[in-house]
Amino acid sequence: MQINISGHHLEVTDALRTYVGDKFSRLERHFDQITSIQVILSPEPKTHKAESTIHISGADLFATAEADDMYAAIDKLTDKLDRQILKHKEKTVSHKHGH
């Protein structure tokens, strides 16, 4: 799994890079066919925004999240992506079994 982290008008520090890596490694526990992840962090006026595109076998998943704190935005983002990955996994399993 390759994670590309970039910042718009924000320098991505080692602490942010480590935090994102730890959070996104959680996604790999649910679905091991993740090929790459693109994460964009940007401070917006009055809020922080985190968005991500995940390339997995069979689909590309996109999510965005906003919060008052960058770490909270990353938490919300990983929660959204976690739900999307589980939903995708359920779809592929049900299609394979003919239900």
N, C-alpha and C. Protein backbone atom coordinates (compact mmCIF):
# COMPACT_ATOMS: atom_id res chain seq x y z
N MET A 1 0.85 -1.18 0.00
CA MET A 1 0.00 0.00 0.00
C MET A 1 0.89 1.23 0.00
N GLN A 2 0.68 2.09 -0.97
CA GLN A 2 1.46 3.32 -1.10
C GLN A 2 0.57 4.51 -0.72
N ILE A 3 1.07 5.34 0.19
CA ILE A 3 0.32 6.51 0.63
C ILE A 3 1.06 7.77 0.17
N ASN A 4 0.39 8.61 -0.62
CA ASN A 4 0.93 9.89 -1.04
C ASN A 4 0.19 10.98 -0.28
N ILE A 5 0.93 11.75 0.50
CA ILE A 5 0.34 12.81 1.31
C ILE A 5 0.84 14.15 0.79
N SER A 6 -0.09 15.05 0.49
CA SER A 6 0.30 16.38 0.05
C SER A 6 -0.52 17.41 0.80
N GLY A 7 -0.01 18.61 0.85
CA GLY A 7 -0.70 19.69 1.54
C GLY A 7 -0.87 20.88 0.63
N HIS A 8 -2.07 21.45 0.63
CA HIS A 8 -2.32 22.68 -0.11
C HIS A 8 -2.22 23.83 0.89
N HIS A 9 -1.26 24.70 0.68
CA HIS A 9 -1.01 25.82 1.59
C HIS A 9 -0.71 25.33 3.00
N LEU A 10 -0.08 24.17 3.09
CA LEU A 10 0.23 23.55 4.37
C LEU A 10 1.46 22.68 4.20
N GLU A 11 2.42 22.85 5.11
CA GLU A 11 3.58 21.97 5.09
C GLU A 11 3.25 20.72 5.89
N VAL A 12 3.40 19.57 5.25
CA VAL A 12 3.09 18.30 5.89
C VAL A 12 4.27 17.91 6.78
N THR A 13 4.05 17.97 8.08
CA THR A 13 5.10 17.67 9.05
C THR A 13 5.22 16.15 9.24
N ASP A 14 6.29 15.74 9.88
CA ASP A 14 6.49 14.32 10.17
C ASP A 14 5.38 13.79 11.08
N ALA A 15 4.92 14.62 12.02
CA ALA A 15 3.86 14.20 12.93
C ALA A 15 2.57 13.92 12.16
N LEU A 16 2.22 14.81 11.22
CA LEU A 16 1.03 14.59 10.40
C LEU A 16 1.19 13.35 9.53
N ARG A 17 2.36 13.19 8.95
CA ARG A 17 2.64 12.05 8.07
C ARG A 17 2.50 10.73 8.85
N THR A 18 3.04 10.70 10.07
CA THR A 18 2.95 9.50 10.91
C THR A 18 1.50 9.23 11.31
N TYR A 19 0.76 10.28 11.66
CA TYR A 19 -0.63 10.14 12.08
C TYR A 19 -1.49 9.58 10.95
N VAL A 20 -1.30 10.14 9.74
CA VAL A 20 -2.05 9.66 8.58
C VAL A 20 -1.69 8.21 8.29
N GLY A 21 -0.42 7.86 8.36
CA GLY A 21 0.01 6.49 8.12
C GLY A 21 -0.61 5.51 9.10
N ASP A 22 -0.66 5.89 10.38
CA ASP A 22 -1.26 5.03 11.40
C ASP A 22 -2.76 4.83 11.16
N LYS A 23 -3.45 5.92 10.84
CA LYS A 23 -4.89 5.86 10.63
C LYS A 23 -5.24 5.04 9.38
N PHE A 24 -4.48 5.24 8.30
CA PHE A 24 -4.80 4.54 7.07
C PHE A 24 -4.36 3.08 7.09
N SER A 25 -3.45 2.73 7.97
CA SER A 25 -3.07 1.32 8.10
C SER A 25 -4.24 0.51 8.67
N ARG A 26 -5.12 1.18 9.39
CA ARG A 26 -6.32 0.54 9.93
C ARG A 26 -7.24 0.06 8.80
N LEU A 27 -7.26 0.81 7.69
CA LEU A 27 -8.12 0.44 6.56
C LEU A 27 -7.66 -0.86 5.92
N GLU A 28 -6.36 -1.11 5.97
CA GLU A 28 -5.81 -2.30 5.34
C GLU A 28 -6.21 -3.58 6.08
N ARG A 29 -6.60 -3.45 7.34
CA ARG A 29 -7.06 -4.61 8.10
C ARG A 29 -8.37 -5.15 7.53
N HIS A 30 -9.21 -4.25 6.98
CA HIS A 30 -10.50 -4.67 6.45
C HIS A 30 -10.42 -5.16 5.01
N PHE A 31 -9.51 -4.58 4.24
CA PHE A 31 -9.44 -4.90 2.81
C PHE A 31 -7.98 -4.82 2.39
N ASP A 32 -7.39 -5.96 2.05
CA ASP A 32 -5.95 -6.00 1.79
C ASP A 32 -5.58 -5.72 0.34
N GLN A 33 -6.55 -5.42 -0.53
CA GLN A 33 -6.26 -5.18 -1.94
C GLN A 33 -6.21 -3.69 -2.27
N ILE A 34 -5.74 -2.87 -1.35
CA ILE A 34 -5.58 -1.43 -1.58
C ILE A 34 -4.25 -1.24 -2.30
N THR A 35 -4.29 -0.60 -3.47
CA THR A 35 -3.05 -0.40 -4.21
C THR A 35 -2.38 0.93 -3.87
N SER A 36 -3.17 2.02 -3.85
CA SER A 36 -2.57 3.31 -3.50
C SER A 36 -3.60 4.23 -2.87
N ILE A 37 -3.07 5.19 -2.10
CA ILE A 37 -3.91 6.16 -1.42
C ILE A 37 -3.32 7.55 -1.65
N GLN A 38 -4.17 8.49 -2.05
CA GLN A 38 -3.76 9.88 -2.23
C GLN A 38 -4.49 10.70 -1.18
N VAL A 39 -3.76 11.40 -0.32
CA VAL A 39 -4.35 12.21 0.74
C VAL A 39 -3.95 13.67 0.52
N ILE A 40 -4.93 14.56 0.56
CA ILE A 40 -4.67 16.00 0.42
C ILE A 40 -5.19 16.70 1.66
N LEU A 41 -4.32 17.42 2.34
CA LEU A 41 -4.67 18.16 3.54
C LEU A 41 -4.60 19.64 3.22
N SER A 42 -5.63 20.39 3.61
CA SER A 42 -5.62 21.83 3.33
C SER A 42 -6.36 22.59 4.42
N PRO A 43 -5.75 23.67 4.88
CA PRO A 43 -6.46 24.53 5.84
C PRO A 43 -7.39 25.48 5.07
N GLU A 44 -8.66 25.43 5.38
CA GLU A 44 -9.65 26.32 4.78
C GLU A 44 -9.92 27.45 5.78
N PRO A 45 -10.54 28.52 5.33
CA PRO A 45 -10.90 29.55 6.30
C PRO A 45 -11.84 29.00 7.38
N LYS A 46 -11.44 29.11 8.61
CA LYS A 46 -12.21 28.69 9.80
C LYS A 46 -12.31 27.18 9.97
N THR A 47 -11.68 26.38 9.14
CA THR A 47 -11.77 24.92 9.28
C THR A 47 -10.58 24.27 8.60
N HIS A 48 -10.42 22.97 8.80
CA HIS A 48 -9.37 22.18 8.15
C HIS A 48 -10.05 21.10 7.33
N LYS A 49 -9.51 20.83 6.14
CA LYS A 49 -10.13 19.88 5.22
C LYS A 49 -9.14 18.77 4.88
N ALA A 50 -9.62 17.54 4.90
CA ALA A 50 -8.82 16.38 4.49
C ALA A 50 -9.63 15.62 3.46
N GLU A 51 -9.00 15.28 2.34
CA GLU A 51 -9.69 14.49 1.32
C GLU A 51 -8.76 13.40 0.82
N SER A 52 -9.35 12.32 0.35
CA SER A 52 -8.55 11.17 -0.04
C SER A 52 -9.22 10.40 -1.16
N THR A 53 -8.38 9.83 -2.02
CA THR A 53 -8.82 8.91 -3.06
C THR A 53 -8.07 7.61 -2.84
N ILE A 54 -8.80 6.51 -2.78
CA ILE A 54 -8.20 5.20 -2.58
C ILE A 54 -8.45 4.36 -3.83
N HIS A 55 -7.39 3.79 -4.36
CA HIS A 55 -7.49 2.90 -5.51
C HIS A 55 -7.43 1.47 -4.99
N ILE A 56 -8.53 0.74 -5.19
CA ILE A 56 -8.58 -0.66 -4.79
C ILE A 56 -9.00 -1.48 -6.00
N SER A 57 -8.87 -2.77 -5.90
CA SER A 57 -9.26 -3.62 -7.02
C SER A 57 -10.77 -3.53 -7.22
N GLY A 58 -11.16 -3.07 -8.39
CA GLY A 58 -12.57 -2.98 -8.71
C GLY A 58 -13.21 -1.62 -8.52
N ALA A 59 -12.54 -0.68 -7.87
CA ALA A 59 -13.17 0.63 -7.63
C ALA A 59 -12.15 1.67 -7.17
N ASP A 60 -12.55 2.92 -7.27
CA ASP A 60 -11.83 4.05 -6.68
C ASP A 60 -12.79 4.69 -5.69
N LEU A 61 -12.35 4.86 -4.46
CA LEU A 61 -13.19 5.44 -3.42
C LEU A 61 -12.69 6.84 -3.09
N PHE A 62 -13.62 7.79 -2.91
CA PHE A 62 -13.26 9.16 -2.58
C PHE A 62 -14.07 9.61 -1.38
N ALA A 63 -13.41 10.36 -0.50
CA ALA A 63 -14.11 10.93 0.66
C ALA A 63 -13.44 12.24 1.03
N THR A 64 -14.20 13.10 1.66
CA THR A 64 -13.68 14.36 2.16
C THR A 64 -14.30 14.62 3.53
N ALA A 65 -13.53 15.30 4.39
CA ALA A 65 -14.02 15.61 5.73
C ALA A 65 -13.47 16.95 6.18
N GLU A 66 -14.26 17.65 6.97
CA GLU A 66 -13.84 18.95 7.51
C GLU A 66 -14.05 18.94 9.02
N ALA A 67 -13.13 19.63 9.72
CA ALA A 67 -13.24 19.76 11.17
C ALA A 67 -12.44 20.98 11.61
N ASP A 68 -12.58 21.34 12.88
CA ASP A 68 -11.86 22.49 13.42
C ASP A 68 -10.37 22.21 13.55
N ASP A 69 -10.00 20.94 13.68
CA ASP A 69 -8.63 20.53 13.88
C ASP A 69 -8.25 19.56 12.76
N MET A 70 -7.01 19.63 12.27
CA MET A 70 -6.58 18.76 11.18
C MET A 70 -6.64 17.29 11.58
N TYR A 71 -6.25 16.98 12.82
CA TYR A 71 -6.28 15.60 13.28
C TYR A 71 -7.71 15.06 13.34
N ALA A 72 -8.66 15.90 13.75
CA ALA A 72 -10.07 15.50 13.78
C ALA A 72 -10.59 15.27 12.36
N ALA A 73 -10.15 16.09 11.41
CA ALA A 73 -10.55 15.92 10.01
C ALA A 73 -10.02 14.59 9.46
N ILE A 74 -8.80 14.24 9.82
CA ILE A 74 -8.22 12.97 9.38
C ILE A 74 -8.99 11.80 10.00
N ASP A 75 -9.39 11.93 11.27
CA ASP A 75 -10.19 10.89 11.93
C ASP A 75 -11.52 10.68 11.20
N LYS A 76 -12.21 11.78 10.90
CA LYS A 76 -13.49 11.69 10.20
C LYS A 76 -13.31 11.06 8.82
N LEU A 77 -12.23 11.45 8.15
CA LEU A 77 -11.95 10.94 6.81
C LEU A 77 -11.74 9.43 6.83
N THR A 78 -10.95 8.94 7.77
CA THR A 78 -10.70 7.50 7.82
C THR A 78 -11.96 6.73 8.20
N ASP A 79 -12.82 7.31 9.04
CA ASP A 79 -14.08 6.66 9.38
C ASP A 79 -14.98 6.51 8.14
N LYS A 80 -15.05 7.57 7.33
CA LYS A 80 -15.85 7.52 6.11
C LYS A 80 -15.30 6.47 5.14
N LEU A 81 -14.00 6.48 4.96
CA LEU A 81 -13.39 5.53 4.03
C LEU A 81 -13.53 4.09 4.54
N ASP A 82 -13.47 3.92 5.84
CA ASP A 82 -13.64 2.59 6.43
C ASP A 82 -15.03 2.04 6.09
N ARG A 83 -16.05 2.87 6.23
CA ARG A 83 -17.42 2.45 5.89
C ARG A 83 -17.54 2.13 4.40
N GLN A 84 -16.91 2.95 3.55
CA GLN A 84 -16.98 2.71 2.10
C GLN A 84 -16.28 1.41 1.72
N ILE A 85 -15.15 1.14 2.33
CA ILE A 85 -14.42 -0.10 2.03
C ILE A 85 -15.23 -1.32 2.46
N LEU A 86 -15.83 -1.27 3.65
CA LEU A 86 -16.65 -2.39 4.11
C LEU A 86 -17.84 -2.60 3.18
N LYS A 87 -18.46 -1.52 2.72
CA LYS A 87 -19.59 -1.63 1.80
C LYS A 87 -19.14 -2.24 0.48
N HIS A 88 -17.99 -1.82 -0.04
CA HIS A 88 -17.46 -2.38 -1.28
C HIS A 88 -17.13 -3.85 -1.12
N LYS A 89 -16.57 -4.19 0.01
CA LYS A 89 -16.20 -5.58 0.27
C LYS A 89 -17.46 -6.46 0.33
N GLU A 90 -18.52 -5.97 0.98
CA GLU A 90 -19.77 -6.72 1.05
C GLU A 90 -20.37 -6.92 -0.34
N LYS A 91 -20.28 -5.90 -1.19
CA LYS A 91 -20.79 -6.02 -2.55
C LYS A 91 -20.05 -7.09 -3.33
N THR A 92 -18.74 -7.08 -3.26
CA THR A 92 -17.96 -8.05 -4.03
C THR A 92 -18.19 -9.46 -3.52
N VAL A 93 -18.33 -9.64 -2.23
CA VAL A 93 -18.58 -10.97 -1.67
C VAL A 93 -19.96 -11.47 -2.09
N SER A 94 -20.98 -10.62 -2.04
CA SER A 94 -22.34 -11.04 -2.40
C SER A 94 -22.44 -11.33 -3.90
N HIS A 95 -21.72 -10.61 -4.74
CA HIS A 95 -21.73 -10.88 -6.18
C HIS A 95 -21.06 -12.20 -6.49
N LYS A 96 -20.01 -12.53 -5.79
CA LYS A 96 -19.29 -13.77 -6.05
C LYS A 96 -20.12 -14.99 -5.65
N HIS A 97 -20.94 -14.84 -4.63
CA HIS A 97 -21.74 -15.97 -4.14
C HIS A 97 -23.12 -16.03 -4.77
N GLY A 98 -23.43 -15.07 -5.62
CA GLY A 98 -24.70 -15.11 -6.35
C GLY A 98 -25.94 -14.77 -5.55
N HIS A 99 -25.81 -14.00 -4.51
CA HIS A 99 -26.97 -13.60 -3.71
C HIS A 99 -27.53 -12.29 -4.18
